[in-house]
mmCIF file of all heavy atoms, coordinates in Angstrom:
data_MODEL
# 
_entry.id   MODEL 
# 
loop_
_atom_site.group_PDB 
_atom_site.id 
_atom_site.type_symbol 
_atom_site.label_atom_id 
_atom_site.label_alt_id 
_atom_site.label_comp_id 
_atom_site.label_asym_id 
_atom_site.label_entity_id 
_atom_site.label_seq_id 
_atom_site.pdbx_PDB_ins_code 
_atom_site.Cartn_x 
_atom_site.Cartn_y 
_atom_site.Cartn_z 
_atom_site.occupancy 
_atom_site.B_iso_or_equiv 
_atom_site.pdbx_formal_charge 
_atom_site.auth_seq_id 
_atom_site.auth_comp_id 
_atom_site.auth_asym_id 
_atom_site.auth_atom_id 
_atom_site.pdbx_PDB_model_num 
ATOM 1   N N   . ALA A 1 1  ? -34.384 23.081 -5.877 1.00 0.00 ? 1  ALA A N   1 
ATOM 2   C CA  . ALA A 1 1  ? -33.716 21.862 -6.331 1.00 0.00 ? 1  ALA A CA  1 
ATOM 3   C C   . ALA A 1 1  ? -33.535 20.850 -5.209 1.00 0.00 ? 1  ALA A C   1 
ATOM 4   O O   . ALA A 1 1  ? -33.692 19.644 -5.416 1.00 0.00 ? 1  ALA A O   1 
ATOM 5   C CB  . ALA A 1 1  ? -32.360 22.211 -6.944 1.00 0.00 ? 1  ALA A CB  1 
ATOM 6   N N   . TYR A 1 2  ? -33.209 21.347 -4.005 1.00 0.00 ? 2  TYR A N   1 
ATOM 7   C CA  . TYR A 1 2  ? -32.880 20.449 -2.903 1.00 0.00 ? 2  TYR A CA  1 
ATOM 8   C C   . TYR A 1 2  ? -34.009 20.313 -1.880 1.00 0.00 ? 2  TYR A C   1 
ATOM 9   O O   . TYR A 1 2  ? -33.813 19.739 -0.811 1.00 0.00 ? 2  TYR A O   1 
ATOM 10  C CB  . TYR A 1 2  ? -31.597 20.937 -2.208 1.00 0.00 ? 2  TYR A CB  1 
ATOM 11  C CG  . TYR A 1 2  ? -30.410 20.964 -3.135 1.00 0.00 ? 2  TYR A CG  1 
ATOM 12  C CD1 . TYR A 1 2  ? -30.083 22.117 -3.845 1.00 0.00 ? 2  TYR A CD1 1 
ATOM 13  C CD2 . TYR A 1 2  ? -29.625 19.832 -3.340 1.00 0.00 ? 2  TYR A CD2 1 
ATOM 14  C CE1 . TYR A 1 2  ? -29.005 22.144 -4.720 1.00 0.00 ? 2  TYR A CE1 1 
ATOM 15  C CE2 . TYR A 1 2  ? -28.540 19.844 -4.206 1.00 0.00 ? 2  TYR A CE2 1 
ATOM 16  C CZ  . TYR A 1 2  ? -28.242 21.003 -4.902 1.00 0.00 ? 2  TYR A CZ  1 
ATOM 17  O OH  . TYR A 1 2  ? -27.174 21.022 -5.774 1.00 0.00 ? 2  TYR A OH  1 
ATOM 18  N N   . ALA A 1 3  ? -35.197 20.836 -2.228 1.00 0.00 ? 3  ALA A N   1 
ATOM 19  C CA  . ALA A 1 3  ? -36.363 20.769 -1.343 1.00 0.00 ? 3  ALA A CA  1 
ATOM 20  C C   . ALA A 1 3  ? -36.029 21.326 0.033  1.00 0.00 ? 3  ALA A C   1 
ATOM 21  O O   . ALA A 1 3  ? -36.263 20.706 1.072  1.00 0.00 ? 3  ALA A O   1 
ATOM 22  C CB  . ALA A 1 3  ? -36.884 19.333 -1.229 1.00 0.00 ? 3  ALA A CB  1 
ATOM 23  N N   . MET A 1 4  ? -35.487 22.548 0.036  1.00 0.00 ? 4  MET A N   1 
ATOM 24  C CA  . MET A 1 4  ? -35.046 23.184 1.277  1.00 0.00 ? 4  MET A CA  1 
ATOM 25  C C   . MET A 1 4  ? -35.689 24.563 1.441  1.00 0.00 ? 4  MET A C   1 
ATOM 26  O O   . MET A 1 4  ? -35.057 25.514 1.889  1.00 0.00 ? 4  MET A O   1 
ATOM 27  C CB  . MET A 1 4  ? -33.518 23.306 1.297  1.00 0.00 ? 4  MET A CB  1 
ATOM 28  C CG  . MET A 1 4  ? -32.783 21.980 1.347  1.00 0.00 ? 4  MET A CG  1 
ATOM 29  S SD  . MET A 1 4  ? -30.981 22.138 1.182  1.00 0.00 ? 4  MET A SD  1 
ATOM 30  C CE  . MET A 1 4  ? -30.557 23.008 2.708  1.00 0.00 ? 4  MET A CE  1 
ATOM 31  N N   . THR A 1 5  ? -36.966 24.671 1.083  1.00 0.00 ? 5  THR A N   1 
ATOM 32  C CA  . THR A 1 5  ? -37.629 25.977 1.137  1.00 0.00 ? 5  THR A CA  1 
ATOM 33  C C   . THR A 1 5  ? -37.580 26.596 2.530  1.00 0.00 ? 5  THR A C   1 
ATOM 34  O O   . THR A 1 5  ? -37.366 27.798 2.688  1.00 0.00 ? 5  THR A O   1 
ATOM 35  C CB  . THR A 1 5  ? -39.089 25.856 0.675  1.00 0.00 ? 5  THR A CB  1 
ATOM 36  O OG1 . THR A 1 5  ? -39.721 24.788 1.393  1.00 0.00 ? 5  THR A OG1 1 
ATOM 37  C CG2 . THR A 1 5  ? -39.167 25.560 -0.808 1.00 0.00 ? 5  THR A CG2 1 
ATOM 38  N N   . GLY A 1 6  ? -37.772 25.795 3.558  1.00 0.00 ? 6  GLY A N   1 
ATOM 39  C CA  . GLY A 1 6  ? -37.803 26.323 4.918  1.00 0.00 ? 6  GLY A CA  1 
ATOM 40  C C   . GLY A 1 6  ? -36.441 26.618 5.513  1.00 0.00 ? 6  GLY A C   1 
ATOM 41  O O   . GLY A 1 6  ? -36.357 27.262 6.564  1.00 0.00 ? 6  GLY A O   1 
ATOM 42  N N   . TRP A 1 7  ? -35.384 26.184 4.850  1.00 0.00 ? 7  TRP A N   1 
ATOM 43  C CA  . TRP A 1 7  ? -34.037 26.413 5.378  1.00 0.00 ? 7  TRP A CA  1 
ATOM 44  C C   . TRP A 1 7  ? -33.562 27.843 5.124  1.00 0.00 ? 7  TRP A C   1 
ATOM 45  O O   . TRP A 1 7  ? -32.644 28.319 5.783  1.00 0.00 ? 7  TRP A O   1 
ATOM 46  C CB  . TRP A 1 7  ? -33.044 25.419 4.743  1.00 0.00 ? 7  TRP A CB  1 
ATOM 47  C CG  . TRP A 1 7  ? -33.338 23.989 5.026  1.00 0.00 ? 7  TRP A CG  1 
ATOM 48  C CD1 . TRP A 1 7  ? -34.334 23.229 4.465  1.00 0.00 ? 7  TRP A CD1 1 
ATOM 49  C CD2 . TRP A 1 7  ? -32.653 23.136 5.930  1.00 0.00 ? 7  TRP A CD2 1 
ATOM 50  N NE1 . TRP A 1 7  ? -34.290 21.935 4.962  1.00 0.00 ? 7  TRP A NE1 1 
ATOM 51  C CE2 . TRP A 1 7  ? -33.259 21.855 5.859  1.00 0.00 ? 7  TRP A CE2 1 
ATOM 52  C CE3 . TRP A 1 7  ? -31.560 23.308 6.786  1.00 0.00 ? 7  TRP A CE3 1 
ATOM 53  C CZ2 . TRP A 1 7  ? -32.830 20.770 6.620  1.00 0.00 ? 7  TRP A CZ2 1 
ATOM 54  C CZ3 . TRP A 1 7  ? -31.127 22.216 7.542  1.00 0.00 ? 7  TRP A CZ3 1 
ATOM 55  C CH2 . TRP A 1 7  ? -31.757 20.975 7.454  1.00 0.00 ? 7  TRP A CH2 1 
ATOM 56  N N   . ARG A 1 8  ? -34.162 28.506 4.138  1.00 0.00 ? 8  ARG A N   1 
ATOM 57  C CA  . ARG A 1 8  ? -33.946 29.917 3.838  1.00 0.00 ? 8  ARG A CA  1 
ATOM 58  C C   . ARG A 1 8  ? -32.491 30.261 3.516  1.00 0.00 ? 8  ARG A C   1 
ATOM 59  O O   . ARG A 1 8  ? -31.831 31.011 4.232  1.00 0.00 ? 8  ARG A O   1 
ATOM 60  C CB  . ARG A 1 8  ? -34.453 30.815 4.981  1.00 0.00 ? 8  ARG A CB  1 
ATOM 61  C CG  . ARG A 1 8  ? -35.877 30.581 5.448  1.00 0.00 ? 8  ARG A CG  1 
ATOM 62  C CD  . ARG A 1 8  ? -36.889 30.543 4.316  1.00 0.00 ? 8  ARG A CD  1 
ATOM 63  N NE  . ARG A 1 8  ? -36.901 31.757 3.524  1.00 0.00 ? 8  ARG A NE  1 
ATOM 64  C CZ  . ARG A 1 8  ? -36.922 31.760 2.185  1.00 0.00 ? 8  ARG A CZ  1 
ATOM 65  N NH1 . ARG A 1 8  ? -36.910 30.636 1.498  1.00 0.00 ? 8  ARG A NH1 1 
ATOM 66  N NH2 . ARG A 1 8  ? -36.935 32.906 1.537  1.00 0.00 ? 8  ARG A NH2 1 
ATOM 67  N N   . ILE A 1 9  ? -32.007 29.711 2.409  1.00 0.00 ? 9  ILE A N   1 
ATOM 68  C CA  . ILE A 1 9  ? -30.682 30.077 1.926  1.00 0.00 ? 9  ILE A CA  1 
ATOM 69  C C   . ILE A 1 9  ? -30.741 30.363 0.420  1.00 0.00 ? 9  ILE A C   1 
ATOM 70  O O   . ILE A 1 9  ? -31.141 29.513 -0.378 1.00 0.00 ? 9  ILE A O   1 
ATOM 71  C CB  . ILE A 1 9  ? -29.640 28.963 2.176  1.00 0.00 ? 9  ILE A CB  1 
ATOM 72  C CG1 . ILE A 1 9  ? -29.391 28.768 3.668  1.00 0.00 ? 9  ILE A CG1 1 
ATOM 73  C CG2 . ILE A 1 9  ? -28.317 29.306 1.465  1.00 0.00 ? 9  ILE A CG2 1 
ATOM 74  C CD1 . ILE A 1 9  ? -28.635 29.889 4.360  1.00 0.00 ? 9  ILE A CD1 1 
ATOM 75  N N   . GLY A 1 10 ? -30.354 31.594 0.087  1.00 0.00 ? 10 GLY A N   1 
ATOM 76  C CA  . GLY A 1 10 ? -30.097 31.963 -1.295 1.00 0.00 ? 10 GLY A CA  1 
ATOM 77  C C   . GLY A 1 10 ? -28.668 32.439 -1.392 1.00 0.00 ? 10 GLY A C   1 
ATOM 78  O O   . GLY A 1 10 ? -28.027 32.721 -0.370 1.00 0.00 ? 10 GLY A O   1 
ATOM 79  N N   . TYR A 1 11 ? -28.161 32.537 -2.616 1.00 0.00 ? 11 TYR A N   1 
ATOM 80  C CA  . TYR A 1 11 ? -26.790 33.019 -2.773 1.00 0.00 ? 11 TYR A CA  1 
ATOM 81  C C   . TYR A 1 11 ? -26.632 33.660 -4.142 1.00 0.00 ? 11 TYR A C   1 
ATOM 82  O O   . TYR A 1 11 ? -27.458 33.463 -5.047 1.00 0.00 ? 11 TYR A O   1 
ATOM 83  C CB  . TYR A 1 11 ? -25.778 31.886 -2.575 1.00 0.00 ? 11 TYR A CB  1 
ATOM 84  C CG  . TYR A 1 11 ? -25.975 30.685 -3.470 1.00 0.00 ? 11 TYR A CG  1 
ATOM 85  C CD1 . TYR A 1 11 ? -25.497 30.676 -4.781 1.00 0.00 ? 11 TYR A CD1 1 
ATOM 86  C CD2 . TYR A 1 11 ? -26.641 29.553 -3.005 1.00 0.00 ? 11 TYR A CD2 1 
ATOM 87  C CE1 . TYR A 1 11 ? -25.673 29.577 -5.605 1.00 0.00 ? 11 TYR A CE1 1 
ATOM 88  C CE2 . TYR A 1 11 ? -26.826 28.436 -3.828 1.00 0.00 ? 11 TYR A CE2 1 
ATOM 89  C CZ  . TYR A 1 11 ? -26.337 28.461 -5.128 1.00 0.00 ? 11 TYR A CZ  1 
ATOM 90  O OH  . TYR A 1 11 ? -26.522 27.371 -5.938 1.00 0.00 ? 11 TYR A OH  1 
ATOM 91  N N   . ALA A 1 12 ? -25.566 34.421 -4.292 1.00 0.00 ? 12 ALA A N   1 
ATOM 92  C CA  . ALA A 1 12 ? -25.330 35.105 -5.558 1.00 0.00 ? 12 ALA A CA  1 
ATOM 93  C C   . ALA A 1 12 ? -23.843 35.321 -5.758 1.00 0.00 ? 12 ALA A C   1 
ATOM 94  O O   . ALA A 1 12 ? -23.064 35.399 -4.797 1.00 0.00 ? 12 ALA A O   1 
ATOM 95  C CB  . ALA A 1 12 ? -26.054 36.449 -5.584 1.00 0.00 ? 12 ALA A CB  1 
ATOM 96  N N   . GLY A 1 13 ? -23.460 35.414 -7.035 1.00 0.00 ? 13 GLY A N   1 
ATOM 97  C CA  . GLY A 1 13 ? -22.100 35.744 -7.406 1.00 0.00 ? 13 GLY A CA  1 
ATOM 98  C C   . GLY A 1 13 ? -22.098 36.935 -8.345 1.00 0.00 ? 13 GLY A C   1 
ATOM 99  O O   . GLY A 1 13 ? -22.928 37.011 -9.256 1.00 0.00 ? 13 GLY A O   1 
ATOM 100 N N   . GLY A 1 14 ? -21.178 37.874 -8.106 1.00 0.00 ? 14 GLY A N   1 
ATOM 101 C CA  . GLY A 1 14 ? -21.127 39.047 -8.972 1.00 0.00 ? 14 GLY A CA  1 
ATOM 102 C C   . GLY A 1 14 ? -20.011 40.000 -8.596 1.00 0.00 ? 14 GLY A C   1 
ATOM 103 O O   . GLY A 1 14 ? -19.070 39.631 -7.875 1.00 0.00 ? 14 GLY A O   1 
ATOM 104 N N   . ASP A 1 15 ? -20.113 41.206 -9.073 1.00 0.00 ? 15 ASP A N   1 
ATOM 105 C CA  . ASP A 1 15 ? -19.120 42.252 -8.853 1.00 0.00 ? 15 ASP A CA  1 
ATOM 106 C C   . ASP A 1 15 ? -18.835 42.446 -7.368 1.00 0.00 ? 15 ASP A C   1 
ATOM 107 O O   . ASP A 1 15 ? -19.766 42.548 -6.556 1.00 0.00 ? 15 ASP A O   1 
ATOM 108 C CB  . ASP A 1 15 ? -19.635 43.552 -9.468 1.00 0.00 ? 15 ASP A CB  1 
ATOM 109 C CG  . ASP A 1 15 ? -18.739 44.722 -9.202 1.00 0.00 ? 15 ASP A CG  1 
ATOM 110 O OD1 . ASP A 1 15 ? -17.700 44.838 -9.856 1.00 0.00 ? 15 ASP A OD1 1 
ATOM 111 O OD2 . ASP A 1 15 ? -19.089 45.520 -8.291 1.00 0.00 ? 15 ASP A OD2 1 
ATOM 112 N N   . ALA A 1 16 ? -17.569 42.505 -6.995 1.00 0.00 ? 16 ALA A N   1 
ATOM 113 C CA  . ALA A 1 16 ? -17.192 42.576 -5.582 1.00 0.00 ? 16 ALA A CA  1 
ATOM 114 C C   . ALA A 1 16 ? -17.737 43.825 -4.894 1.00 0.00 ? 16 ALA A C   1 
ATOM 115 O O   . ALA A 1 16 ? -18.144 43.762 -3.724 1.00 0.00 ? 16 ALA A O   1 
ATOM 116 C CB  . ALA A 1 16 ? -15.668 42.527 -5.445 1.00 0.00 ? 16 ALA A CB  1 
ATOM 117 N N   . ALA A 1 17 ? -17.774 44.950 -5.596 1.00 0.00 ? 17 ALA A N   1 
ATOM 118 C CA  . ALA A 1 17 ? -18.292 46.174 -4.980 1.00 0.00 ? 17 ALA A CA  1 
ATOM 119 C C   . ALA A 1 17 ? -19.791 46.056 -4.706 1.00 0.00 ? 17 ALA A C   1 
ATOM 120 O O   . ALA A 1 17 ? -20.286 46.525 -3.669 1.00 0.00 ? 17 ALA A O   1 
ATOM 121 C CB  . ALA A 1 17 ? -18.011 47.379 -5.889 1.00 0.00 ? 17 ALA A CB  1 
ATOM 122 N N   . LEU A 1 18 ? -20.525 45.417 -5.619 1.00 0.00 ? 18 LEU A N   1 
ATOM 123 C CA  . LEU A 1 18 ? -21.951 45.187 -5.402 1.00 0.00 ? 18 LEU A CA  1 
ATOM 124 C C   . LEU A 1 18 ? -22.165 44.224 -4.238 1.00 0.00 ? 18 LEU A C   1 
ATOM 125 O O   . LEU A 1 18 ? -23.027 44.458 -3.380 1.00 0.00 ? 18 LEU A O   1 
ATOM 126 C CB  . LEU A 1 18 ? -22.592 44.630 -6.671 1.00 0.00 ? 18 LEU A CB  1 
ATOM 127 C CG  . LEU A 1 18 ? -24.041 44.160 -6.559 1.00 0.00 ? 18 LEU A CG  1 
ATOM 128 C CD1 . LEU A 1 18 ? -24.958 45.280 -6.082 1.00 0.00 ? 18 LEU A CD1 1 
ATOM 129 C CD2 . LEU A 1 18 ? -24.527 43.585 -7.886 1.00 0.00 ? 18 LEU A CD2 1 
ATOM 130 N N   . ILE A 1 19 ? -21.385 43.156 -4.185 1.00 0.00 ? 19 ILE A N   1 
ATOM 131 C CA  . ILE A 1 19 ? -21.504 42.184 -3.095 1.00 0.00 ? 19 ILE A CA  1 
ATOM 132 C C   . ILE A 1 19 ? -21.238 42.853 -1.751 1.00 0.00 ? 19 ILE A C   1 
ATOM 133 O O   . ILE A 1 19 ? -21.944 42.603 -0.760 1.00 0.00 ? 19 ILE A O   1 
ATOM 134 C CB  . ILE A 1 19 ? -20.530 41.010 -3.326 1.00 0.00 ? 19 ILE A CB  1 
ATOM 135 C CG1 . ILE A 1 19 ? -20.906 40.229 -4.592 1.00 0.00 ? 19 ILE A CG1 1 
ATOM 136 C CG2 . ILE A 1 19 ? -20.483 40.091 -2.109 1.00 0.00 ? 19 ILE A CG2 1 
ATOM 137 C CD1 . ILE A 1 19 ? -22.256 39.547 -4.551 1.00 0.00 ? 19 ILE A CD1 1 
ATOM 138 N N   . LYS A 1 20 ? -20.252 43.733 -1.704 1.00 0.00 ? 20 LYS A N   1 
ATOM 139 C CA  . LYS A 1 20 ? -19.935 44.453 -0.469 1.00 0.00 ? 20 LYS A CA  1 
ATOM 140 C C   . LYS A 1 20 ? -21.104 45.351 -0.057 1.00 0.00 ? 20 LYS A C   1 
ATOM 141 O O   . LYS A 1 20 ? -21.451 45.443 1.131  1.00 0.00 ? 20 LYS A O   1 
ATOM 142 C CB  . LYS A 1 20 ? -18.668 45.279 -0.660 1.00 0.00 ? 20 LYS A CB  1 
ATOM 143 C CG  . LYS A 1 20 ? -18.198 46.008 0.591  1.00 0.00 ? 20 LYS A CG  1 
ATOM 144 C CD  . LYS A 1 20 ? -16.894 46.751 0.326  1.00 0.00 ? 20 LYS A CD  1 
ATOM 145 C CE  . LYS A 1 20 ? -16.408 47.488 1.583  1.00 0.00 ? 20 LYS A CE  1 
ATOM 146 N NZ  . LYS A 1 20 ? -15.134 48.220 1.315  1.00 0.00 ? 20 LYS A NZ  1 
ATOM 147 N N   . ALA A 1 21 ? -21.716 46.015 -1.033 1.00 0.00 ? 21 ALA A N   1 
ATOM 148 C CA  . ALA A 1 21 ? -22.862 46.882 -0.747 1.00 0.00 ? 21 ALA A CA  1 
ATOM 149 C C   . ALA A 1 21 ? -24.048 46.064 -0.236 1.00 0.00 ? 21 ALA A C   1 
ATOM 150 O O   . ALA A 1 21 ? -24.763 46.488 0.688  1.00 0.00 ? 21 ALA A O   1 
ATOM 151 C CB  . ALA A 1 21 ? -23.252 47.659 -1.994 1.00 0.00 ? 21 ALA A CB  1 
ATOM 152 N N   . MET A 1 22 ? -24.265 44.899 -0.816 1.00 0.00 ? 22 MET A N   1 
ATOM 153 C CA  . MET A 1 22 ? -25.347 44.022 -0.357 1.00 0.00 ? 22 MET A CA  1 
ATOM 154 C C   . MET A 1 22 ? -25.101 43.550 1.076  1.00 0.00 ? 22 MET A C   1 
ATOM 155 O O   . MET A 1 22 ? -26.028 43.456 1.878  1.00 0.00 ? 22 MET A O   1 
ATOM 156 C CB  . MET A 1 22 ? -25.489 42.828 -1.298 1.00 0.00 ? 22 MET A CB  1 
ATOM 157 C CG  . MET A 1 22 ? -26.038 43.188 -2.675 1.00 0.00 ? 22 MET A CG  1 
ATOM 158 S SD  . MET A 1 22 ? -25.885 41.854 -3.909 1.00 0.00 ? 22 MET A SD  1 
ATOM 159 C CE  . MET A 1 22 ? -26.851 40.558 -3.139 1.00 0.00 ? 22 MET A CE  1 
ATOM 160 N N   . ALA A 1 23 ? -23.841 43.268 1.402  1.00 0.00 ? 23 ALA A N   1 
ATOM 161 C CA  . ALA A 1 23 ? -23.501 42.867 2.767  1.00 0.00 ? 23 ALA A CA  1 
ATOM 162 C C   . ALA A 1 23 ? -23.778 43.990 3.751  1.00 0.00 ? 23 ALA A C   1 
ATOM 163 O O   . ALA A 1 23 ? -24.205 43.748 4.893  1.00 0.00 ? 23 ALA A O   1 
ATOM 164 C CB  . ALA A 1 23 ? -22.036 42.444 2.842  1.00 0.00 ? 23 ALA A CB  1 
ATOM 165 N N   . LYS A 1 24 ? -23.575 45.225 3.319  1.00 0.00 ? 24 LYS A N   1 
ATOM 166 C CA  . LYS A 1 24 ? -23.847 46.385 4.177  1.00 0.00 ? 24 LYS A CA  1 
ATOM 167 C C   . LYS A 1 24 ? -25.341 46.454 4.505  1.00 0.00 ? 24 LYS A C   1 
ATOM 168 O O   . LYS A 1 24 ? -25.719 46.690 5.665  1.00 0.00 ? 24 LYS A O   1 
ATOM 169 C CB  . LYS A 1 24 ? -23.388 47.665 3.472  1.00 0.00 ? 24 LYS A CB  1 
ATOM 170 C CG  . LYS A 1 24 ? -23.453 48.927 4.314  1.00 0.00 ? 24 LYS A CG  1 
ATOM 171 C CD  . LYS A 1 24 ? -22.868 50.097 3.540  1.00 0.00 ? 24 LYS A CD  1 
ATOM 172 C CE  . LYS A 1 24 ? -22.857 51.374 4.363  1.00 0.00 ? 24 LYS A CE  1 
ATOM 173 N NZ  . LYS A 1 24 ? -22.279 52.514 3.582  1.00 0.00 ? 24 LYS A NZ  1 
ATOM 174 N N   . VAL A 1 25 ? -26.182 46.233 3.492  1.00 0.00 ? 25 VAL A N   1 
ATOM 175 C CA  . VAL A 1 25 ? -27.627 46.212 3.724  1.00 0.00 ? 25 VAL A CA  1 
ATOM 176 C C   . VAL A 1 25 ? -27.975 45.073 4.685  1.00 0.00 ? 25 VAL A C   1 
ATOM 177 O O   . VAL A 1 25 ? -28.736 45.259 5.651  1.00 0.00 ? 25 VAL A O   1 
ATOM 178 C CB  . VAL A 1 25 ? -28.395 46.037 2.391  1.00 0.00 ? 25 VAL A CB  1 
ATOM 179 C CG1 . VAL A 1 25 ? -29.881 45.832 2.645  1.00 0.00 ? 25 VAL A CG1 1 
ATOM 180 C CG2 . VAL A 1 25 ? -28.178 47.240 1.490  1.00 0.00 ? 25 VAL A CG2 1 
# 
C-alpha cells in the first residue's frame, strides 16, 4: 500500500500467547 517493499516491515495482531511465541522465534 505504501510502496515500502524494501523497508521490510510486516505486522500482525492476535492472541497474546501466540504473539509471545512468535517473539521467541
